């Protein structure tokens, strides 16, 4: 589960919040290890390892039950596109979002790029042609 959670977060988090979500996840992992170590140390001092194993078993069962209710996120690919110089950003973003398979667009005007989440399963030849026309160059998806 530890290896799957960062992958799941990067797929599920909105583009503009992805770094924050990944940072919170990493911090939570380290805090969990810290508090687990402190709690385990205290239980060893009390010579109560049975209670420690009971707590760990209970937490594992709760986490397992929670994980059964989680839905698998859709697989979306991330792309970085250079902004065309002759287009208005808002209009260009609206046109991009109107294309089937484009799920999310975040434009960074100061960097002249757009971060795009794409559902590759919905991209066909007509969609590639629309993207090529909008961007002014062919896009490999």
Protein backbone atom coordinates (compact mmCIF):
# COMPACT_ATOMS: atom_id res chain seq x y z
CA UNK A 1 0.00 0.00 0.00
CA UNK A 2 2.89 2.35 0.74
CA UNK A 3 4.11 2.16 -2.85
CA UNK A 4 0.62 2.55 -4.34
CA UNK A 5 -0.45 5.64 -2.41
CA UNK A 6 1.97 8.14 -4.07
CA UNK A 7 0.97 6.83 -7.50
CA UNK A 8 -2.71 7.10 -6.64
CA UNK A 9 -2.24 10.63 -5.28
CA UNK A 10 -0.40 11.85 -8.37
CA UNK A 11 -3.23 10.56 -10.56
CA UNK A 12 -6.07 11.87 -8.40
CA UNK A 13 -4.72 15.27 -7.34
CA UNK A 14 -5.51 18.33 -9.45
CA UNK A 15 -2.50 19.56 -11.43
CA UNK A 16 -2.07 22.76 -9.42
CA UNK A 17 -2.18 20.82 -6.10
CA UNK A 18 -0.14 17.76 -7.05
CA UNK A 19 3.10 18.90 -5.37
CA UNK A 20 1.26 19.84 -2.19
CA UNK A 21 -0.50 16.47 -2.07
CA UNK A 22 2.78 14.62 -2.58
CA UNK A 23 4.46 16.71 0.13
CA UNK A 24 1.67 16.04 2.62
CA UNK A 25 1.90 12.32 1.82
CA UNK A 26 5.68 12.23 2.38
CA UNK A 27 5.38 14.22 5.62
CA UNK A 28 2.63 11.91 6.86
CA UNK A 29 4.76 8.86 6.16
CA UNK A 30 7.66 10.23 8.22
CA UNK A 31 5.38 11.39 11.03
CA UNK A 32 3.77 7.96 11.10
CA UNK A 33 7.17 6.29 11.40
CA UNK A 34 8.13 8.71 14.18
CA UNK A 35 4.95 8.21 16.22
CA UNK A 36 5.05 4.47 15.61
CA UNK A 37 8.59 4.35 16.95
CA UNK A 38 7.69 6.44 20.00
CA UNK A 39 4.62 4.31 20.74
CA UNK A 40 6.55 1.07 20.22
CA UNK A 41 9.34 2.29 22.51
CA UNK A 42 6.88 3.18 25.25
CA UNK A 43 5.19 -0.21 25.00
CA UNK A 44 8.58 -1.94 25.24
CA UNK A 45 9.39 0.10 28.35
CA UNK A 46 6.15 -1.12 29.88
CA UNK A 47 6.96 -4.72 28.86
CA UNK A 48 3.64 -4.87 27.05
CA UNK A 49 4.43 -6.18 23.58
CA UNK A 50 1.09 -7.99 23.40
CA UNK A 51 -0.72 -4.63 23.54
CA UNK A 52 1.58 -3.34 20.80
CA UNK A 53 0.76 -6.26 18.53
CA UNK A 54 -2.94 -5.83 19.29
CA UNK A 55 -2.81 -2.15 18.33
CA UNK A 56 -0.90 -2.92 15.11
CA UNK A 57 -3.33 -5.69 14.18
CA UNK A 58 -6.30 -3.41 14.82
CA UNK A 59 -4.80 -0.62 12.70
CA UNK A 60 -4.02 -3.06 9.89
CA UNK A 61 -7.60 -4.37 9.89
CA UNK A 62 -9.05 -0.83 9.89
CA UNK A 63 -6.76 0.19 7.00
CA UNK A 64 -7.67 -2.97 5.08
CA UNK A 65 -11.39 -2.22 5.47
CA UNK A 66 -10.85 1.38 4.32
CA UNK A 67 -8.83 0.23 1.31
CA UNK A 68 -11.66 -2.03 0.10
CA UNK A 69 -13.84 1.06 -0.33
CA UNK A 70 -11.29 2.98 -2.42
CA UNK A 71 -11.98 3.24 -6.12
CA UNK A 72 -9.10 2.96 -8.56
CA UNK A 73 -8.40 6.37 -10.10
CA UNK A 74 -8.66 6.83 -13.84
CA UNK A 75 -5.34 6.61 -15.60
CA UNK A 76 -4.59 10.08 -16.92
CA UNK A 77 -1.33 11.04 -18.56
CA UNK A 78 0.32 14.39 -17.95
CA UNK A 79 1.62 16.55 -20.77
CA UNK A 80 3.38 19.89 -20.92
CA UNK A 81 2.46 22.05 -23.92
CA UNK A 82 4.12 25.27 -25.03
CA UNK A 83 1.59 28.10 -25.37
CA UNK A 84 1.02 29.49 -28.86
CA UNK A 85 2.05 33.15 -28.89
CA UNK A 86 -0.85 34.40 -30.99
CA UNK A 87 -3.66 33.01 -28.81
CA UNK A 88 -5.50 34.47 -25.83
CA UNK A 89 -4.87 32.21 -22.85
CA UNK A 90 -8.50 31.92 -21.67
CA UNK A 91 -9.83 31.26 -25.16
CA UNK A 92 -7.06 28.74 -25.86
CA UNK A 93 -7.73 26.92 -22.56
CA UNK A 94 -11.46 26.70 -23.35
CA UNK A 95 -10.73 25.31 -26.81
CA UNK A 96 -8.32 22.78 -25.34
CA UNK A 97 -10.84 21.63 -22.72
CA UNK A 98 -13.46 21.19 -25.47
CA UNK A 99 -11.34 18.47 -27.07
CA UNK A 100 -12.42 14.97 -26.09
CA UNK A 101 -9.87 13.31 -23.81
CA UNK A 102 -8.49 16.53 -22.32
CA UNK A 103 -9.53 16.40 -18.66
CA UNK A 104 -7.70 19.29 -17.01
CA UNK A 105 -5.61 22.28 -18.09
CA UNK A 106 -3.53 24.61 -15.95
CA UNK A 107 -1.83 27.48 -17.78
CA UNK A 108 1.34 29.08 -16.44
CA UNK A 109 1.46 32.29 -18.48
CA UNK A 110 4.77 33.44 -17.03
CA UNK A 111 6.43 30.20 -18.19
CA UNK A 112 4.45 30.08 -21.47
CA UNK A 113 3.39 26.47 -20.83
CA UNK A 114 0.22 24.55 -20.07
CA UNK A 115 0.07 21.43 -17.93
CA UNK A 116 -2.57 19.08 -19.29
CA UNK A 117 -4.10 15.82 -18.02
CA UNK A 118 -5.11 13.57 -20.91
CA UNK A 119 -7.14 10.36 -21.02
CA UNK A 120 -5.25 8.49 -23.76
CA UNK A 121 -8.06 5.97 -24.16
CA UNK A 122 -10.32 8.72 -25.53
CA UNK A 123 -7.75 10.11 -27.98
CA UNK A 124 -8.36 9.10 -31.59
CA UNK A 125 -7.15 10.43 -34.96
CA UNK A 126 -9.78 13.19 -35.06
CA UNK A 127 -8.75 14.34 -31.59
CA UNK A 128 -5.07 14.35 -32.59
CA UNK A 129 -6.00 16.43 -35.62
CA UNK A 130 -7.90 18.92 -33.42
CA UNK A 131 -4.89 19.19 -31.10
CA UNK A 132 -2.52 19.67 -34.03
CA UNK A 133 -4.72 22.44 -35.42
CA UNK A 134 -5.02 24.16 -32.05
CA UNK A 135 -1.30 23.96 -31.23
CA UNK A 136 0.00 24.60 -34.72
CA UNK A 137 2.20 21.49 -34.61
CA UNK A 138 1.73 17.74 -34.38
CA UNK A 139 1.41 16.28 -30.89
CA UNK A 140 2.57 12.78 -30.04
CA UNK A 141 0.17 11.12 -27.61
